[in-house]
Amino acid sequence: MNEEYPSILDRLKSTTIDTIIIIGFMYFASEILNSFDNVPNYVRMILFAGILMYEPIFTAFGATIGNDKMEIRVRSNSDHSKKINFFQAIIRFGFKILLGWLSFITVFSSKKSRTIHDYLSGSVMIKV
C-alpha cells in the first residue's frame, strides 16, 4: 500500500474519536436543555441537526477533530490538494452512516484504500 493513504486502523481510530466527540456534544446539549422548562421542539431539532452536521461541515472546510489527531484528511480524488465541497461531504456522510462498517470492504481491493462512501462522493483519504 502506498504511504500516501492511511491504513484502515487510522481511519477507524479517527471515526472513534469523532464518535466520542459527537456523543459528548449530545450529552452537553441534553444537560443544557434539561436546565430549562418547556424547550420548544424546533430548538431541539436545530441542536440535533447541528450535531449531526459536525462531520460534513468539518470535512468540507478542513478536517474533523479525529482526522486532525490521526493526521489524515478527506480530499478530492481527482486532485488531492483540493478539499471536497459541502455537497460531496453530505453525500459521503450519508452513505457512511447508511452503509456503516460495510463501506470499508473495498479498502483492501483499492489501490488508494478508498471505501464505498469515498467512491460515491468522489473523495479519497490521504495522510498529511
C-alpha atoms as a PDB file:
ATOM      1  CA  MET A   1       0.000   0.000   0.000  1.00  0.00           C
ATOM      2  CA  ASN A   2       1.206   3.477  -0.848  1.00  0.00           C
ATOM      3  CA  GLU A   3       2.334   5.541   2.154  1.00  0.00           C
ATOM      4  CA  GLU A   4       0.187   8.462   0.952  1.00  0.00           C
ATOM      5  CA  TYR A   5      -3.011   6.732   2.069  1.00  0.00           C
ATOM      6  CA  PRO A   6      -3.949   5.913   5.678  1.00  0.00           C
ATOM      7  CA  SER A   7      -4.458   2.402   6.963  1.00  0.00           C
ATOM      8  CA  ILE A   8      -7.894   1.146   7.904  1.00  0.00           C
ATOM      9  CA  LEU A   9      -6.776   1.311  11.551  1.00  0.00           C
ATOM     10  CA  ASP A  10      -6.036   5.049  11.241  1.00  0.00           C
ATOM     11  CA  ARG A  11      -9.450   5.602   9.695  1.00  0.00           C
ATOM     12  CA  LEU A  12     -11.218   3.610  12.411  1.00  0.00           C
ATOM     13  CA  LYS A  13      -9.345   5.484  15.157  1.00  0.00           C
ATOM     14  CA  SER A  14     -10.397   8.779  13.572  1.00  0.00           C
ATOM     15  CA  THR A  15     -14.023   7.666  13.380  1.00  0.00           C
ATOM     16  CA  THR A  16     -13.930   6.516  17.014  1.00  0.00           C
ATOM     17  CA  ILE A  17     -12.571   9.893  18.169  1.00  0.00           C
ATOM     18  CA  ASP A  18     -15.278  11.716  16.213  1.00  0.00           C
ATOM     19  CA  THR A  19     -17.994   9.429  17.585  1.00  0.00           C
ATOM     20  CA  ILE A  20     -16.889  10.135  21.160  1.00  0.00           C
ATOM     21  CA  ILE A  21     -16.935  13.881  20.418  1.00  0.00           C
ATOM     22  CA  ILE A  22     -20.456  13.661  18.952  1.00  0.00           C
ATOM     23  CA  ILE A  23     -21.670  11.725  21.998  1.00  0.00           C
ATOM     24  CA  GLY A  24     -20.107  14.424  24.192  1.00  0.00           C
ATOM     25  CA  PHE A  25     -21.915  17.136  22.221  1.00  0.00           C
ATOM     26  CA  MET A  26     -25.192  15.235  22.631  1.00  0.00           C
ATOM     27  CA  TYR A  27     -24.672  14.866  26.380  1.00  0.00           C
ATOM     28  CA  PHE A  28     -23.753  18.547  26.765  1.00  0.00           C
ATOM     29  CA  ALA A  29     -26.792  19.658  24.727  1.00  0.00           C
ATOM     30  CA  SER A  30     -29.035  17.356  26.754  1.00  0.00           C
ATOM     31  CA  GLU A  31     -27.764  18.820  30.023  1.00  0.00           C
ATOM     32  CA  ILE A  32     -28.329  22.360  28.791  1.00  0.00           C
ATOM     33  CA  LEU A  33     -31.862  21.569  27.587  1.00  0.00           C
ATOM     34  CA  ASN A  34     -32.698  19.864  30.884  1.00  0.00           C
ATOM     35  CA  SER A  35     -31.907  23.055  32.766  1.00  0.00           C
ATOM     36  CA  PHE A  36     -34.811  24.843  31.035  1.00  0.00           C
ATOM     37  CA  ASP A  37     -38.539  24.271  31.307  1.00  0.00           C
ATOM     38  CA  ASN A  38     -40.583  23.724  28.139  1.00  0.00           C
ATOM     39  CA  VAL A  39     -37.905  23.897  25.454  1.00  0.00           C
ATOM     40  CA  PRO A  40     -39.598  24.239  22.046  1.00  0.00           C
ATOM     41  CA  ASN A  41     -39.237  21.283  19.704  1.00  0.00           C
ATOM     42  CA  TYR A  42     -37.678  23.443  16.983  1.00  0.00           C
ATOM     43  CA  VAL A  43     -34.767  24.239  19.340  1.00  0.00           C
ATOM     44  CA  ARG A  44     -34.234  20.515  19.919  1.00  0.00           C
ATOM     45  CA  MET A  45     -34.357  19.866  16.156  1.00  0.00           C
ATOM     46  CA  ILE A  46     -31.837  22.634  15.420  1.00  0.00           C
ATOM     47  CA  LEU A  47     -29.433  21.284  18.046  1.00  0.00           C
ATOM     48  CA  PHE A  48     -29.836  17.737  16.717  1.00  0.00           C
ATOM     49  CA  ALA A  49     -29.242  18.860  13.111  1.00  0.00           C
ATOM     50  CA  GLY A  50     -26.232  20.918  14.174  1.00  0.00           C
ATOM     51  CA  ILE A  51     -24.649  17.996  15.985  1.00  0.00           C
ATOM     52  CA  LEU A  52     -25.458  15.672  13.080  1.00  0.00           C
ATOM     53  CA  MET A  53     -23.763  18.076  10.641  1.00  0.00           C
ATOM     54  CA  TYR A  54     -20.464  18.028  12.589  1.00  0.00           C
ATOM     55  CA  GLU A  55     -18.699  15.675  10.191  1.00  0.00           C
ATOM     56  CA  PRO A  56     -19.854  17.150   6.845  1.00  0.00           C
ATOM     57  CA  ILE A  57     -19.086  20.725   7.933  1.00  0.00           C
ATOM     58  CA  PHE A  58     -15.657  19.951   9.355  1.00  0.00           C
ATOM     59  CA  THR A  59     -14.791  17.671   6.425  1.00  0.00           C
ATOM     60  CA  ALA A  60     -15.711  20.258   3.791  1.00  0.00           C
ATOM     61  CA  PHE A  61     -13.939  23.146   5.494  1.00  0.00           C
ATOM     62  CA  GLY A  62     -10.864  21.396   6.905  1.00  0.00           C
ATOM     63  CA  ALA A  63     -10.825  18.235   8.984  1.00  0.00           C
ATOM     64  CA  THR A  64     -12.764  16.690  11.822  1.00  0.00           C
ATOM     65  CA  ILE A  65     -11.022  16.541  15.182  1.00  0.00           C
ATOM     66  CA  GLY A  66     -10.473  12.803  14.706  1.00  0.00           C
ATOM     67  CA  ASN A  67      -8.962  13.354  11.263  1.00  0.00           C
ATOM     68  CA  ASP A  68      -6.718  16.084  12.646  1.00  0.00           C
ATOM     69  CA  LYS A  69      -5.451  13.916  15.525  1.00  0.00           C
ATOM     70  CA  MET A  70      -4.774  10.977  13.198  1.00  0.00           C
ATOM     71  CA  GLU A  71      -3.184  13.324  10.602  1.00  0.00           C
ATOM     72  CA  ILE A  72      -5.470  12.256   7.778  1.00  0.00           C
ATOM     73  CA  ARG A  73      -7.669  14.363   5.504  1.00  0.00           C
ATOM     74  CA  VAL A  74     -10.552  13.856   3.084  1.00  0.00           C
ATOM     75  CA  ARG A  75      -9.661  15.256  -0.327  1.00  0.00           C
ATOM     76  CA  SER A  76     -10.951  15.197  -3.875  1.00  0.00           C
ATOM     77  CA  ASN A  77      -9.995  12.002  -5.674  1.00  0.00           C
ATOM     78  CA  SER A  78      -9.179  13.907  -8.861  1.00  0.00           C
ATOM     79  CA  ASP A  79      -6.875  16.426  -7.106  1.00  0.00           C
ATOM     80  CA  HIS A  80      -5.506  15.503  -3.687  1.00  0.00           C
ATOM     81  CA  SER A  81      -4.660  19.132  -2.936  1.00  0.00           C
ATOM     82  CA  LYS A  82      -8.338  20.162  -3.051  1.00  0.00           C
ATOM     83  CA  LYS A  83     -10.918  19.687  -0.301  1.00  0.00           C
ATOM     84  CA  ILE A  84     -14.262  18.190  -1.202  1.00  0.00           C
ATOM     85  CA  ASN A  85     -17.196  20.586  -1.317  1.00  0.00           C
ATOM     86  CA  PHE A  86     -20.034  20.635   1.202  1.00  0.00           C
ATOM     87  CA  PHE A  87     -22.412  18.728  -1.102  1.00  0.00           C
ATOM     88  CA  GLN A  88     -19.836  15.938  -1.524  1.00  0.00           C
ATOM     89  CA  ALA A  89     -19.301  15.893   2.249  1.00  0.00           C
ATOM     90  CA  ILE A  90     -23.060  15.451   2.793  1.00  0.00           C
ATOM     91  CA  ILE A  91     -23.190  12.579   0.273  1.00  0.00           C
ATOM     92  CA  ARG A  92     -20.100  10.978   1.813  1.00  0.00           C
ATOM     93  CA  PHE A  93     -21.511  11.224   5.342  1.00  0.00           C
ATOM     94  CA  GLY A  94     -24.941   9.951   4.304  1.00  0.00           C
ATOM     95  CA  PHE A  95     -23.553   6.821   2.678  1.00  0.00           C
ATOM     96  CA  LYS A  96     -21.062   6.347   5.514  1.00  0.00           C
ATOM     97  CA  ILE A  97     -23.944   6.293   8.014  1.00  0.00           C
ATOM     98  CA  LEU A  98     -26.207   4.228   5.738  1.00  0.00           C
ATOM     99  CA  LEU A  99     -23.620   1.528   4.984  1.00  0.00           C
ATOM    100  CA  GLY A 100     -21.740   1.538   8.304  1.00  0.00           C
ATOM    101  CA  TRP A 101     -18.805  -0.840   8.516  1.00  0.00           C
ATOM    102  CA  LEU A 102     -19.811  -2.496   5.208  1.00  0.00           C
ATOM    103  CA  SER A 103     -18.466   0.596   3.467  1.00  0.00           C
ATOM    104  CA  PHE A 104     -14.951  -0.484   4.448  1.00  0.00           C
ATOM    105  CA  ILE A 105     -14.956  -3.753   2.452  1.00  0.00           C
ATOM    106  CA  THR A 106     -13.486  -2.048  -0.621  1.00  0.00           C
ATOM    107  CA  VAL A 107     -10.457  -0.692   1.285  1.00  0.00           C
ATOM    108  CA  PHE A 108      -8.498  -3.889   0.736  1.00  0.00           C
ATOM    109  CA  SER A 109      -9.067  -4.053  -3.025  1.00  0.00           C
ATOM    110  CA  SER A 110      -8.466  -0.364  -3.754  1.00  0.00           C
ATOM    111  CA  LYS A 111      -5.017   0.993  -4.613  1.00  0.00           C
ATOM    112  CA  LYS A 112      -5.930   4.232  -2.828  1.00  0.00           C
ATOM    113  CA  SER A 113      -7.643   2.483   0.127  1.00  0.00           C
ATOM    114  CA  ARG A 114     -10.988   4.021  -0.846  1.00  0.00           C
ATOM    115  CA  THR A 115     -14.232   2.992   0.828  1.00  0.00           C
ATOM    116  CA  ILE A 116     -17.631   2.765  -0.833  1.00  0.00           C
ATOM    117  CA  HIS A 117     -18.597   6.186   0.543  1.00  0.00           C
ATOM    118  CA  ASP A 118     -15.351   7.586  -0.931  1.00  0.00           C
ATOM    119  CA  TYR A 119     -16.200   6.180  -4.364  1.00  0.00           C
ATOM    120  CA  LEU A 120     -19.762   7.549  -4.242  1.00  0.00           C
ATOM    121  CA  SER A 121     -18.651  11.045  -3.187  1.00  0.00           C
ATOM    122  CA  GLY A 122     -15.513  11.318  -5.330  1.00  0.00           C
ATOM    123  CA  SER A 123     -13.252  11.558  -2.306  1.00  0.00           C
ATOM    124  CA  VAL A 124     -10.113   9.898  -1.003  1.00  0.00           C
ATOM    125  CA  MET A 125      -8.396   9.856   2.402  1.00  0.00           C
ATOM    126  CA  ILE A 126      -4.764  10.939   2.461  1.00  0.00           C
ATOM    127  CA  LYS A 127      -2.062  11.222   5.109  1.00  0.00           C
ATOM    128  CA  VAL A 128      -0.641  14.659   5.843  1.00  0.00           C
END
